[in-house]
Protein backbone atom coordinates (compact mmCIF):
# COMPACT_ATOMS: atom_id res chain seq x y z
CA MET A 1 4.25 80.66 67.83
CA GLU A 2 6.80 81.25 70.57
CA LEU A 3 10.39 82.07 69.67
CA GLY A 4 9.28 82.78 66.14
CA ILE A 5 9.09 79.08 65.26
CA SER A 6 7.42 79.16 61.88
CA GLU A 7 5.10 76.58 60.41
CA GLU A 8 7.38 76.49 57.39
CA LEU A 9 10.33 75.30 59.49
CA LEU A 10 8.18 72.79 61.35
CA ARG A 11 6.82 71.45 58.09
CA ILE A 12 10.35 70.86 56.77
CA TYR A 13 11.32 69.16 60.03
CA TYR A 14 8.29 66.86 60.11
CA LYS A 15 8.63 66.02 56.44
CA ARG A 16 12.36 65.31 56.27
CA ILE A 17 13.72 64.55 59.74
CA PHE A 18 11.11 63.47 62.29
CA PRO A 19 11.49 59.65 62.64
CA CYS A 20 7.86 58.59 62.09
CA ASP A 21 8.73 55.03 61.04
CA LEU A 22 10.82 54.45 64.14
CA PHE A 23 8.04 55.95 66.26
CA ALA A 24 5.52 53.50 64.83
CA GLN A 25 7.77 50.54 65.65
CA TRP A 26 8.43 51.86 69.14
CA LEU A 27 4.81 52.63 70.06
CA THR A 28 3.52 49.28 68.77
CA TYR A 29 6.53 47.15 69.78
CA ASN A 30 6.23 45.56 66.39
CA PRO A 31 8.62 45.88 63.41
CA ARG A 32 5.59 46.10 61.11
CA SER A 33 3.90 48.69 63.35
CA THR A 34 0.76 46.59 63.73
CA GLY A 35 -1.66 48.23 66.15
CA LEU A 36 -0.54 51.83 65.73
CA SER A 37 -4.17 52.86 65.15
CA LYS A 38 -4.97 52.18 68.81
CA ARG A 39 -2.27 54.47 70.20
CA GLU A 40 -3.33 57.93 71.33
CA PHE A 41 -1.55 61.12 70.31
CA SER A 42 -2.42 64.70 71.12
CA PHE A 43 -1.36 67.81 69.22
CA THR A 44 -1.01 71.37 70.44
CA LEU A 45 -1.34 73.80 67.56
CA ASN A 46 -0.47 77.45 67.24
CA GLY A 47 -2.99 79.55 69.14
CA ASP A 48 -3.25 77.08 72.05
CA ILE A 49 -5.48 74.75 70.07
CA TYR A 50 -5.41 71.33 71.74
CA LEU A 51 -6.38 68.19 69.84
CA ARG A 52 -6.65 65.00 71.87
CA TYR A 53 -7.54 61.43 70.84
CA GLN A 54 -5.61 61.56 67.59
CA SER A 55 -4.67 58.20 66.08
CA PHE A 56 -3.19 56.98 62.82
CA ASP A 57 -3.35 53.79 60.80
CA SER A 58 0.28 53.94 59.67
CA SER A 59 3.49 55.90 60.03
CA SER A 60 2.84 57.56 56.67
CA ASP A 61 -0.56 58.76 57.90
CA PHE A 62 1.14 60.06 61.03
CA ARG A 63 3.66 62.01 58.95
CA LYS A 64 0.99 63.42 56.64
CA GLU A 65 -0.92 64.82 59.60
CA LEU A 66 2.24 66.27 61.14
CA VAL A 67 3.11 68.02 57.89
CA LYS A 68 -0.46 69.24 57.49
CA LEU A 69 -1.05 70.57 61.02
CA CYS A 70 2.52 71.43 62.12
CA PRO A 71 1.87 70.94 65.87
CA ILE A 72 4.13 72.87 68.21
CA LYS A 73 3.81 70.05 70.76
CA ILE A 74 3.14 66.31 70.51
CA ASP A 75 2.07 64.16 73.45
CA ILE A 76 1.79 60.39 73.59
CA GLY A 77 -0.84 58.47 75.53
CA ALA A 78 -1.93 54.90 76.05
CA ALA A 79 -2.86 52.10 73.67
CA TYR A 80 -6.66 51.79 73.79
CA SER A 81 -9.11 49.00 73.12
CA ASN A 82 -10.27 50.87 70.00
CA ALA A 83 -8.88 53.62 67.81
CA PRO A 84 -8.88 56.89 69.82
CA LYS A 85 -10.08 58.87 66.80
CA LEU A 86 -13.32 56.84 66.98
CA HIS A 87 -13.94 57.44 70.68
CA ARG A 88 -17.01 59.62 70.07
CA SER A 89 -18.73 56.95 68.00
CA ILE A 90 -18.33 53.99 70.36
CA LEU A 91 -19.59 53.17 73.83
CA SER A 92 -17.39 54.34 76.68
CA SER A 93 -17.35 50.77 77.96
CA SER A 94 -15.63 49.76 74.72
CA PHE A 95 -12.99 52.48 74.93
CA LYS A 96 -10.51 51.81 77.71
CA PRO A 97 -6.74 52.27 78.02
CA GLN A 98 -5.06 48.87 77.75
CA TRP A 99 -1.43 49.63 78.48
CA LYS A 100 1.19 52.35 78.45
CA GLU A 101 4.84 52.73 79.33
CA LEU A 102 5.67 53.54 82.92
CA VAL A 103 6.84 57.15 82.66
CA PHE A 104 8.60 59.63 84.93
CA ASP A 105 8.86 63.40 84.72
CA ILE A 106 11.65 65.28 86.49
CA ASP A 107 11.27 69.07 86.30
CA LEU A 108 13.69 71.46 87.98
CA THR A 109 10.84 73.73 89.08
CA ASP A 110 10.20 71.11 91.77
CA TYR A 111 13.61 72.01 93.20
CA ASP A 112 12.95 75.75 93.41
CA GLU A 113 13.22 75.86 97.21
CA VAL A 114 16.76 74.43 97.06
CA ARG A 115 18.11 76.25 94.01
CA TYR A 116 18.87 79.96 94.06
CA CYS A 117 20.24 80.58 90.58
CA CYS A 118 16.96 80.06 88.69
CA GLY A 119 13.27 79.63 89.36
CA ASP A 120 11.24 81.31 92.10
CA GLN A 121 14.22 82.43 94.19
CA SER A 122 16.10 84.02 91.30
CA THR A 123 15.78 87.40 89.63
CA THR A 124 17.27 86.19 86.35
CA GLY A 125 14.10 84.57 85.04
CA SER A 126 16.16 81.72 83.63
CA PRO A 127 14.56 78.24 83.79
CA ILE A 128 17.92 76.46 84.20
CA CYS A 129 21.64 77.21 84.24
CA VAL A 130 24.94 75.37 84.70
CA ARG A 131 24.63 75.73 88.49
CA CYS A 132 21.34 73.85 88.86
CA TRP A 133 21.34 71.47 85.88
CA PRO A 134 23.47 68.97 87.90
CA LEU A 135 20.27 68.29 89.87
CA ALA A 136 18.75 66.73 86.76
CA ARG A 137 21.89 64.70 86.11
CA SER A 138 21.85 63.32 89.65
CA ALA A 139 18.16 62.48 89.36
CA VAL A 140 18.72 60.53 86.16
CA LEU A 141 21.48 58.43 87.73
CA CYS A 142 19.47 57.70 90.89
CA VAL A 143 16.19 56.80 89.20
CA ASP A 144 17.89 54.80 86.46
CA ARG A 145 19.84 52.77 89.02
CA SER A 146 16.77 51.99 91.10
CA LEU A 147 14.56 51.03 88.16
CA ARG A 148 17.21 48.67 86.82
CA GLU A 149 18.61 47.18 90.03
CA ASP A 150 15.62 47.28 92.40
CA PHE A 151 12.89 46.46 89.88
CA GLY A 152 14.77 44.64 87.14
CA PHE A 153 13.64 46.87 84.27
CA ARG A 154 16.01 46.92 81.30
CA HIS A 155 14.60 49.14 78.57
CA LEU A 156 14.58 52.73 79.78
CA LEU A 157 14.35 55.56 77.26
CA TRP A 158 15.58 58.83 78.76
CA VAL A 159 14.66 62.04 76.94
CA TYR A 160 15.65 65.67 77.51
CA SER A 161 12.41 67.65 77.76
CA GLY A 162 13.77 70.57 75.75
CA ARG A 163 13.88 73.10 78.56
CA ARG A 164 14.17 72.35 82.27
CA GLY A 165 13.88 68.61 82.82
CA VAL A 166 14.01 65.03 81.67
CA HIS A 167 11.53 62.23 81.02
CA CYS A 168 11.93 58.49 81.38
CA TRP A 169 9.90 55.90 79.44
CA VAL A 170 10.16 52.40 80.95
CA CYS A 171 9.36 50.22 77.95
CA ASP A 172 9.65 46.68 79.32
CA HIS A 173 6.58 44.52 78.66
CA SER A 174 5.98 44.12 82.38
CA ALA A 175 6.16 47.88 82.96
CA ARG A 176 3.73 48.66 80.14
CA HIS A 177 1.05 46.42 81.65
CA LEU A 178 1.24 47.64 85.24
CA ASP A 179 -2.04 48.80 86.74
CA GLN A 180 -2.41 52.11 88.53
CA THR A 181 -1.91 50.56 91.96
CA SER A 182 1.45 49.08 90.98
CA ARG A 183 2.56 52.31 89.31
CA THR A 184 1.68 54.24 92.44
CA ALA A 185 3.63 51.79 94.60
CA ILE A 186 6.73 52.23 92.43
CA VAL A 187 6.48 56.02 92.62
CA GLU A 188 6.10 55.86 96.40
CA TYR A 189 9.14 53.61 96.61
CA LEU A 190 11.16 56.19 94.70
CA THR A 191 9.86 59.17 96.68
CA LEU A 192 11.88 60.49 99.62
CA VAL A 193 11.45 64.24 99.24
CA ARG A 194 8.23 66.04 98.43
CA GLY A 195 8.68 69.59 97.26
CA GLY A 196 7.62 72.19 94.76
CA SER A 197 5.06 75.00 94.80
CA GLY A 198 6.97 76.74 97.57
CA LYS A 199 6.39 73.92 100.04
CA LYS A 200 9.08 73.00 102.50
CA PRO A 201 10.64 69.68 101.47
CA ILE A 202 9.62 66.78 103.67
CA LEU A 203 12.27 64.13 104.00
CA THR A 204 10.58 60.78 104.51
CA ALA A 205 13.75 58.73 104.60
CA GLY A 206 13.14 58.15 108.30
CA ASN A 207 10.20 55.97 107.32
CA TYR A 208 12.61 53.77 105.42
CA SER A 209 15.19 53.30 108.17
CA LYS A 210 15.66 49.98 109.86
CA SER A 211 16.21 49.56 113.58
CA ASN A 212 18.56 52.10 115.11
CA ASP A 213 22.14 51.11 115.65
CA LEU A 214 23.88 52.29 118.83
CA HIS A 215 27.48 53.14 117.97
CA SER A 216 30.31 52.61 120.39
CA ASN A 217 30.61 56.37 120.90
CA GLY A 218 27.05 56.51 122.20
CA ASN A 219 25.50 58.22 119.19
CA ILE A 220 22.39 56.73 117.67
CA ASP A 221 22.66 56.68 113.89
CA PRO A 222 19.75 55.17 111.95
CA LEU A 223 20.44 52.67 109.22
CA PHE A 224 18.83 53.55 105.92
CA HIS A 225 17.36 51.12 103.45
CA PRO A 226 19.93 49.90 100.88
CA CYS A 227 18.21 51.85 98.08
CA VAL A 228 18.68 55.08 100.06
CA ASP A 229 22.32 54.26 100.69
CA ALA A 230 22.76 53.51 96.99
CA ALA A 231 21.34 56.93 96.16
CA CYS A 232 23.68 58.55 98.66
CA ASP A 233 26.63 56.81 97.02
CA ILE A 234 25.69 58.72 93.86
CA LEU A 235 24.67 62.02 95.45
CA ILE A 236 27.25 62.68 98.17
CA PRO A 237 30.28 62.93 95.84
CA ARG A 238 28.26 65.33 93.64
CA PHE A 239 27.07 67.50 96.51
CA THR A 240 30.43 69.21 96.85
CA ASN A 241 30.03 70.79 93.43
CA TYR A 242 26.35 71.53 94.06
CA CYS A 243 27.03 73.58 97.21
CA SER A 244 30.10 75.25 95.66
CA THR A 245 30.53 79.01 95.88
CA VAL A 246 32.05 79.19 92.41
CA ASN A 247 30.13 76.51 90.49
CA GLY A 248 27.04 75.77 92.54
CA GLN A 249 24.47 77.23 94.94
CA ASN A 250 26.88 78.81 97.48
CA LEU A 251 25.00 77.07 100.29
CA PHE A 252 27.52 77.99 103.00
CA GLY A 253 28.44 81.48 101.77
CA ASP A 254 25.02 83.08 102.17
CA LYS A 255 23.55 83.55 105.66
CA ARG A 256 19.99 82.70 104.67
CA ARG A 257 21.02 79.59 102.74
CA LEU A 258 23.37 78.52 105.53
CA ASP A 259 20.69 78.80 108.21
CA LYS A 260 18.30 76.79 106.06
CA LEU A 261 20.84 73.99 105.71
CA LEU A 262 21.77 74.05 109.40
CA SER A 263 18.08 73.81 110.33
CA LEU A 264 18.25 70.20 109.14
CA LEU A 265 20.55 69.33 112.06
CA PRO A 266 18.73 67.51 114.89
CA ASP A 267 17.85 69.27 118.13
CA GLU A 268 20.62 67.53 120.07
CA LEU A 269 23.10 69.39 117.86
CA LYS A 270 21.57 72.81 118.56
CA ASP A 271 24.79 74.10 120.12
CA LEU A 272 26.75 73.12 117.02
CA ARG A 273 24.10 74.66 114.79
CA ASP A 274 24.17 77.98 116.68
CA ARG A 275 27.97 78.08 116.75
CA LEU A 276 28.33 77.44 113.03
CA SER A 277 25.59 79.95 112.23
CA GLY A 278 27.59 82.58 114.08
CA GLU A 279 31.07 81.67 112.88
CA TRP A 280 30.00 81.28 109.24
CA SER A 281 27.62 84.24 109.16
CA THR A 282 29.64 86.35 106.70
CA ASP A 283 28.03 86.36 103.27
CA ILE A 284 30.32 85.30 100.44
CA GLN A 285 28.76 86.16 97.10
CA ASP A 286 30.43 85.61 93.72
CA SER A 287 33.75 84.95 95.39
CA LYS A 288 36.60 83.19 93.67
CA GLU A 289 37.42 81.61 97.03
CA GLU A 290 35.74 78.24 97.43
CA VAL A 291 34.21 79.00 100.83
CA SER A 292 31.19 76.71 100.60
CA THR A 293 33.22 73.68 99.59
CA LYS A 294 35.63 74.17 102.49
CA ARG A 295 32.82 74.55 105.00
CA TRP A 296 30.94 71.56 103.62
CA ASN A 297 34.05 69.40 103.87
CA THR A 298 34.50 70.54 107.48
CA LEU A 299 30.93 69.63 108.36
CA LYS A 300 31.13 66.34 106.51
CA ARG A 301 34.32 65.37 108.29
CA PHE A 302 32.72 66.16 111.67
CA PHE A 303 29.74 63.87 111.00
CA GLN A 304 31.91 61.07 109.67
CA GLU A 305 34.34 61.19 112.60
CA ASN A 306 31.49 61.21 115.12
CA GLY A 307 29.47 58.40 113.60
CA ARG A 308 26.62 60.63 112.43
CA THR A 309 26.67 59.90 108.72
CA SER A 310 22.87 59.72 108.71
CA ILE A 311 22.74 63.49 109.22
CA LEU A 312 25.11 63.94 106.32
CA LYS A 313 22.89 61.77 104.16
CA GLU A 314 19.69 63.57 105.16
CA ILE A 315 21.17 66.92 104.17
CA VAL A 316 22.21 65.62 100.77
CA LEU A 317 18.89 63.84 100.22
CA ASN A 318 16.88 66.93 101.11
CA TYR A 319 18.68 69.00 98.52
CA THR A 320 19.48 66.66 95.65
CA TYR A 321 17.38 63.48 95.77
CA PRO A 322 15.06 63.11 92.72
CA ARG A 323 11.70 64.86 92.92
CA LEU A 324 9.04 63.15 90.83
CA ASP A 325 5.70 64.34 89.53
CA ALA A 326 3.63 61.42 90.80
CA ASN A 327 0.57 62.23 88.69
CA VAL A 328 2.53 61.73 85.49
CA SER A 329 3.60 58.23 86.52
CA THR A 330 0.51 56.77 88.16
CA GLY A 331 -2.17 57.37 85.54
CA VAL A 332 -2.34 54.97 82.60
CA ASN A 333 -4.22 57.55 80.52
CA HIS A 334 -1.83 60.42 81.30
CA LEU A 335 -0.05 61.82 78.24
CA LEU A 336 3.61 62.81 78.10
CA LYS A 337 5.56 64.96 75.67
CA SER A 338 6.94 63.01 72.74
CA PRO A 339 10.63 62.52 72.04
CA PHE A 340 11.90 64.58 69.10
CA CYS A 341 9.21 67.23 69.31
CA VAL A 342 10.28 70.89 69.37
CA HIS A 343 10.00 72.79 72.64
CA PRO A 344 8.12 75.99 71.74
CA LYS A 345 9.89 78.12 74.37
CA THR A 346 13.46 77.17 73.45
CA GLY A 347 13.33 75.68 69.97
CA HIS A 348 15.31 72.72 71.34
CA ILE A 349 14.57 69.21 70.15
CA CYS A 350 13.57 66.73 72.87
CA ILE A 351 16.40 64.29 72.30
CA PRO A 352 16.87 60.79 73.75
CA PHE A 353 20.18 60.22 75.53
CA ASN A 354 22.16 57.47 77.20
CA PRO A 355 21.69 57.78 80.99
CA GLN A 356 25.23 56.55 81.58
CA GLU A 357 26.44 59.55 79.61
CA VAL A 358 24.15 62.10 81.25
CA ASP A 359 27.12 64.17 82.41
CA ARG A 360 27.90 64.78 78.75
CA LEU A 361 24.39 66.04 77.99
CA ASP A 362 24.59 69.81 77.58
CA PRO A 363 21.06 71.27 77.63
CA PHE A 364 22.39 74.51 76.19
CA ASN A 365 23.90 72.80 73.17
CA VAL A 366 20.97 70.62 72.07
CA PRO A 367 20.00 70.86 68.38
CA THR A 368 17.39 73.50 67.61
CA LEU A 369 14.80 73.60 64.86
CA ASN A 370 16.46 76.55 63.14
CA GLU A 371 19.86 74.85 63.18
CA LEU A 372 18.51 71.63 61.70
CA VAL A 373 16.76 73.37 58.83
CA GLU A 374 19.91 75.37 58.10
CA GLN A 375 21.95 72.18 58.08
CA LEU A 376 19.50 70.58 55.67
CA SER A 377 19.71 73.52 53.31
CA SER A 378 23.51 73.34 53.20
CA VAL A 379 23.73 69.73 52.05
CA SER A 380 21.98 67.39 49.67
CA VAL A 381 21.18 63.75 50.20
CA ASN A 382 23.28 61.68 47.81
CA GLU A 383 23.36 58.03 46.89
CA HIS A 384 26.05 57.36 49.47
CA ASP A 385 23.65 58.39 52.23
CA ILE A 386 20.94 56.08 50.91
CA SER A 387 22.49 52.73 51.68
CA ASN A 388 20.80 49.37 51.72
CA ASN A 389 21.67 49.04 55.40
CA ASP A 390 18.84 51.34 56.45
CA ASP A 391 16.30 48.55 56.79
CA ASN A 392 14.17 50.40 59.32
CA ILE A 393 13.29 53.21 56.91
CA SER A 394 10.68 52.53 54.26
CA THR A 395 11.39 52.90 50.55
CA ASN A 396 9.05 55.87 50.24
CA ASP A 397 10.88 57.69 53.03
CA LYS A 398 14.48 57.18 51.95
CA HIS A 399 14.83 60.94 51.76
CA LEU A 400 14.58 60.98 55.56
CA LEU A 401 18.20 59.90 55.67
CA ALA A 402 18.84 63.62 55.44
CA PHE A 403 19.00 63.48 59.27
CA LYS A 404 22.48 61.99 58.87
CA ASN A 405 23.66 65.37 57.67
CA THR A 406 22.39 67.14 60.78
CA SER A 407 23.37 67.44 64.43
CA LEU A 408 20.37 65.24 65.29
CA ARG A 409 22.03 62.19 63.78
CA SER A 410 23.46 60.74 67.00
CA ALA A 411 20.13 61.11 68.84
CA ILE A 412 18.13 59.38 66.10
CA GLU A 413 20.69 56.59 65.79
CA TYR A 414 20.60 56.08 69.56
CA PHE A 415 16.80 55.92 69.36
CA GLU A 416 17.02 53.39 66.53
CA THR A 417 19.41 51.20 68.52
CA PHE A 418 17.10 51.36 71.53
CA ILE A 419 14.15 50.24 69.41
CA LYS A 420 16.09 47.32 67.95
CA GLN A 421 16.91 46.15 71.46
CA ILE A 422 13.35 46.40 72.75
CA LEU A 423 11.95 44.65 69.66
CA GLN A 424 14.45 41.85 70.09
CA ALA A 425 13.44 41.47 73.73
CA GLU A 426 9.75 41.61 72.83
CA TYR A 427 9.96 38.81 70.30
CA SER A 428 12.56 36.65 71.98
CA CYS A 429 9.79 35.35 74.24
CA THR A 430 8.78 31.99 72.77
CA ASN A 431 5.77 31.46 75.01
CA ILE A 432 3.16 33.64 73.29
CA ASP A 433 0.49 32.70 75.80
CA GLN A 434 2.66 34.05 78.58
CA ALA A 435 2.90 37.39 76.80
CA GLU A 436 -0.84 37.49 76.14
CA ASP A 437 -2.06 36.77 79.64
CA ASN A 438 0.62 38.98 81.23
CA SER A 439 1.61 36.19 83.61
CA HIS A 440 5.12 37.57 83.70
CA VAL A 441 4.04 41.10 84.62
CA LEU A 442 5.69 42.42 87.75
CA ARG A 443 3.28 41.83 90.63
CA SER A 444 5.28 42.84 93.66
CA ILE A 445 7.22 45.88 94.73
CA PRO A 446 10.56 45.61 96.56
CA VAL A 447 9.88 45.73 100.29
CA PHE A 448 11.81 47.84 102.77
């Protein structure tokens, strides 16, 4: 196993901490976990052994298999028409995915052409650092806002992936029953920049602009769709820190990075582009002087005073707008890494977090498997921990309250609160027929 993660430690974690009962309620949207047997899991075992189409009749069966196999990775798939573990013994026509959460995957490797501290353009070999992690924070805020305000979704579970990104599970009933066409439309709506794999980012915001507006000073400045403007309201204030010489990517203090940014200026501003490229050509590396911030503020002020805020927005969007892995979101049968599993390369737990508190999420201070086992060994579960208020944990698993003595406590309690809210929403619908025929499923995508 990577990082020396032993099966012994994983076995302790799966036996005493991993919230199997809460998982069963979440993945069935039922407090009694009815229907868990139709939900697909996959396990990755030591030695790159991959087991797909795993399914379990109960949370206790799920835990037993975790303890037995000690997977280094757990993925979650769709709910099927029959138990996935029986897929080889039934006709393919009788084994179809029925529904799954709408999911999103944001990975900082897709930003490699606009981050210089880590990834392909770095010599450090680090997957993330404090200079580029703000990209993930900005992405969370933008996507979360759009899903809630533009689409009306309410139950979004955000999870740190354990290494270099974040995942979002949209758990609303309407989202879970979207077909592939609708999922694709939502992803396209949220996509402005296509990058990754060394490709030059392609800003498609121009496709979303309304009719051009001729300003009194004679400059033509396109009007963006309100969702793009809403994203810019989030991203522009954060861009100052992102381009910073001291704290960010030093976008204006390195000649190559500067020329790349200036190349985004339109052809009619070629003279300005050439002048700035010459005047700001001196490389400023690891300087305590905040050169990039000063130069960015100068450029920003120029665009604002001359009625060219669209150029300002396009620069910010090209660098910091969320970059989504469309394939993860569009396929109903696509699997995604489970919350609370252990990332084999870092040992970090994939913890859920409140998107409104994403700026407080420190990816370098997330609980690790080793830390949790050490914390368990230093305390004992006493009668005070086992209170009658823990209704969501079965009698046989009362010992799992040991998580309250670990640094994973806040993440599990947040997960539990999230599940209570989604279960309440699921069963507050009095018209059962409406829920069964999906008549309330979202059928249209916001139009630009």
